[in-house]
Amino acid sequence: MKNKWLHFCIDKENVFGLVCGLIMILLSIAMVLFHNEVVNIILRDILMILFLGFLTPIYYILITKKKNLSVLGIHKKGWLPV
């Protein structure tokens, strides 16, 4: 879908990134509401960093796009010194 204000196509990847960003913002707002340290660790470390920042992109690339992790720069090339 193109319109005169947006000069890129809105597809599933853009919507997926937008939804993940909105979830991240909502979790940040939830951290302000809860002043409990355990709840903040769960929200920030587990949900925001581990789930949204690490597992979600890996899931999207491996399962949805059916590509290798090398598109993220994770590969075995150059691991062993020559």
Protein backbone atom coordinates (compact mmCIF):
# COMPACT_ATOMS: atom_id res chain seq x y z
CA MET A 1 0.00 0.00 0.00
CA LYS A 2 1.49 3.34 -1.01
CA ASN A 3 0.16 6.76 -0.33
CA LYS A 4 1.46 10.28 -0.83
CA TRP A 5 2.84 10.66 2.72
CA LEU A 6 4.65 7.35 3.05
CA HIS A 7 7.26 6.49 0.48
CA PHE A 8 7.68 2.82 1.35
CA CYS A 9 5.47 -0.23 1.13
CA ILE A 10 3.83 -1.32 4.35
CA ASP A 11 4.14 -5.09 4.53
CA LYS A 12 4.12 -7.80 7.20
CA GLU A 13 7.70 -7.09 8.28
CA ASN A 14 7.01 -3.39 8.88
CA VAL A 15 3.84 -4.16 10.83
CA PHE A 16 5.68 -6.83 12.86
CA GLY A 17 8.42 -4.34 13.77
CA LEU A 18 5.87 -1.67 14.64
CA VAL A 19 3.94 -4.06 16.90
CA CYS A 20 7.16 -5.16 18.64
CA GLY A 21 8.10 -1.50 19.16
CA LEU A 22 4.69 -0.69 20.62
CA ILE A 23 4.92 -3.69 22.97
CA MET A 24 8.36 -2.45 24.06
CA ILE A 25 6.90 1.01 24.81
CA LEU A 26 4.01 -0.53 26.77
CA LEU A 27 6.45 -2.62 28.81
CA SER A 28 8.47 0.53 29.54
CA ILE A 29 5.32 2.26 30.77
CA ALA A 30 4.53 -0.77 32.92
CA MET A 31 7.99 -0.48 34.50
CA VAL A 32 7.14 3.05 35.64
CA LEU A 33 3.88 1.87 37.18
CA PHE A 34 5.46 -0.98 39.17
CA HIS A 35 8.12 0.01 41.67
CA ASN A 36 8.90 -3.58 42.65
CA GLU A 37 12.44 -4.67 41.75
CA VAL A 38 11.43 -8.24 40.89
CA VAL A 39 8.68 -7.06 38.55
CA ASN A 40 11.09 -4.63 36.85
CA ILE A 41 13.63 -7.42 36.34
CA ILE A 42 10.96 -9.62 34.78
CA LEU A 43 9.68 -6.81 32.56
CA ARG A 44 13.05 -5.46 31.45
CA ASP A 45 15.40 -8.43 31.43
CA ILE A 46 13.11 -11.28 30.51
CA LEU A 47 10.36 -9.73 28.40
CA MET A 48 12.11 -6.75 26.81
CA ILE A 49 15.69 -7.92 26.33
CA LEU A 50 15.43 -11.70 26.11
CA PHE A 51 12.05 -12.13 24.45
CA LEU A 52 11.59 -9.03 22.28
CA GLY A 53 15.24 -8.24 21.66
CA PHE A 54 16.71 -11.71 21.17
CA LEU A 55 14.21 -14.56 20.74
CA THR A 56 11.63 -12.74 18.61
CA PRO A 57 14.06 -11.73 15.81
CA ILE A 58 15.61 -15.22 15.79
CA TYR A 59 12.16 -16.83 15.64
CA TYR A 60 11.08 -14.49 12.86
CA ILE A 61 14.15 -15.20 10.74
CA LEU A 62 14.34 -18.96 11.33
CA ILE A 63 10.66 -19.92 11.38
CA THR A 64 8.77 -17.24 9.47
CA LYS A 65 11.32 -16.25 6.82
CA LYS A 66 13.01 -19.70 6.75
CA LYS A 67 16.51 -18.21 6.45
CA ASN A 68 19.81 -18.91 8.21
CA LEU A 69 21.17 -16.92 11.12
CA SER A 70 23.91 -15.68 8.81
CA VAL A 71 21.58 -12.87 7.73
CA LEU A 72 22.03 -11.53 11.28
CA GLY A 73 25.80 -11.94 11.05
CA ILE A 74 25.90 -15.12 13.13
CA HIS A 75 28.11 -17.60 11.28
CA LYS A 76 31.14 -19.86 11.73
CA LYS A 77 33.32 -18.02 9.23
CA GLY A 78 36.50 -16.67 10.84
CA TRP A 79 36.06 -18.35 14.22
CA LEU A 80 39.28 -20.34 14.01
CA PRO A 81 42.53 -18.41 13.69
CA VAL A 82 44.44 -19.30 10.53
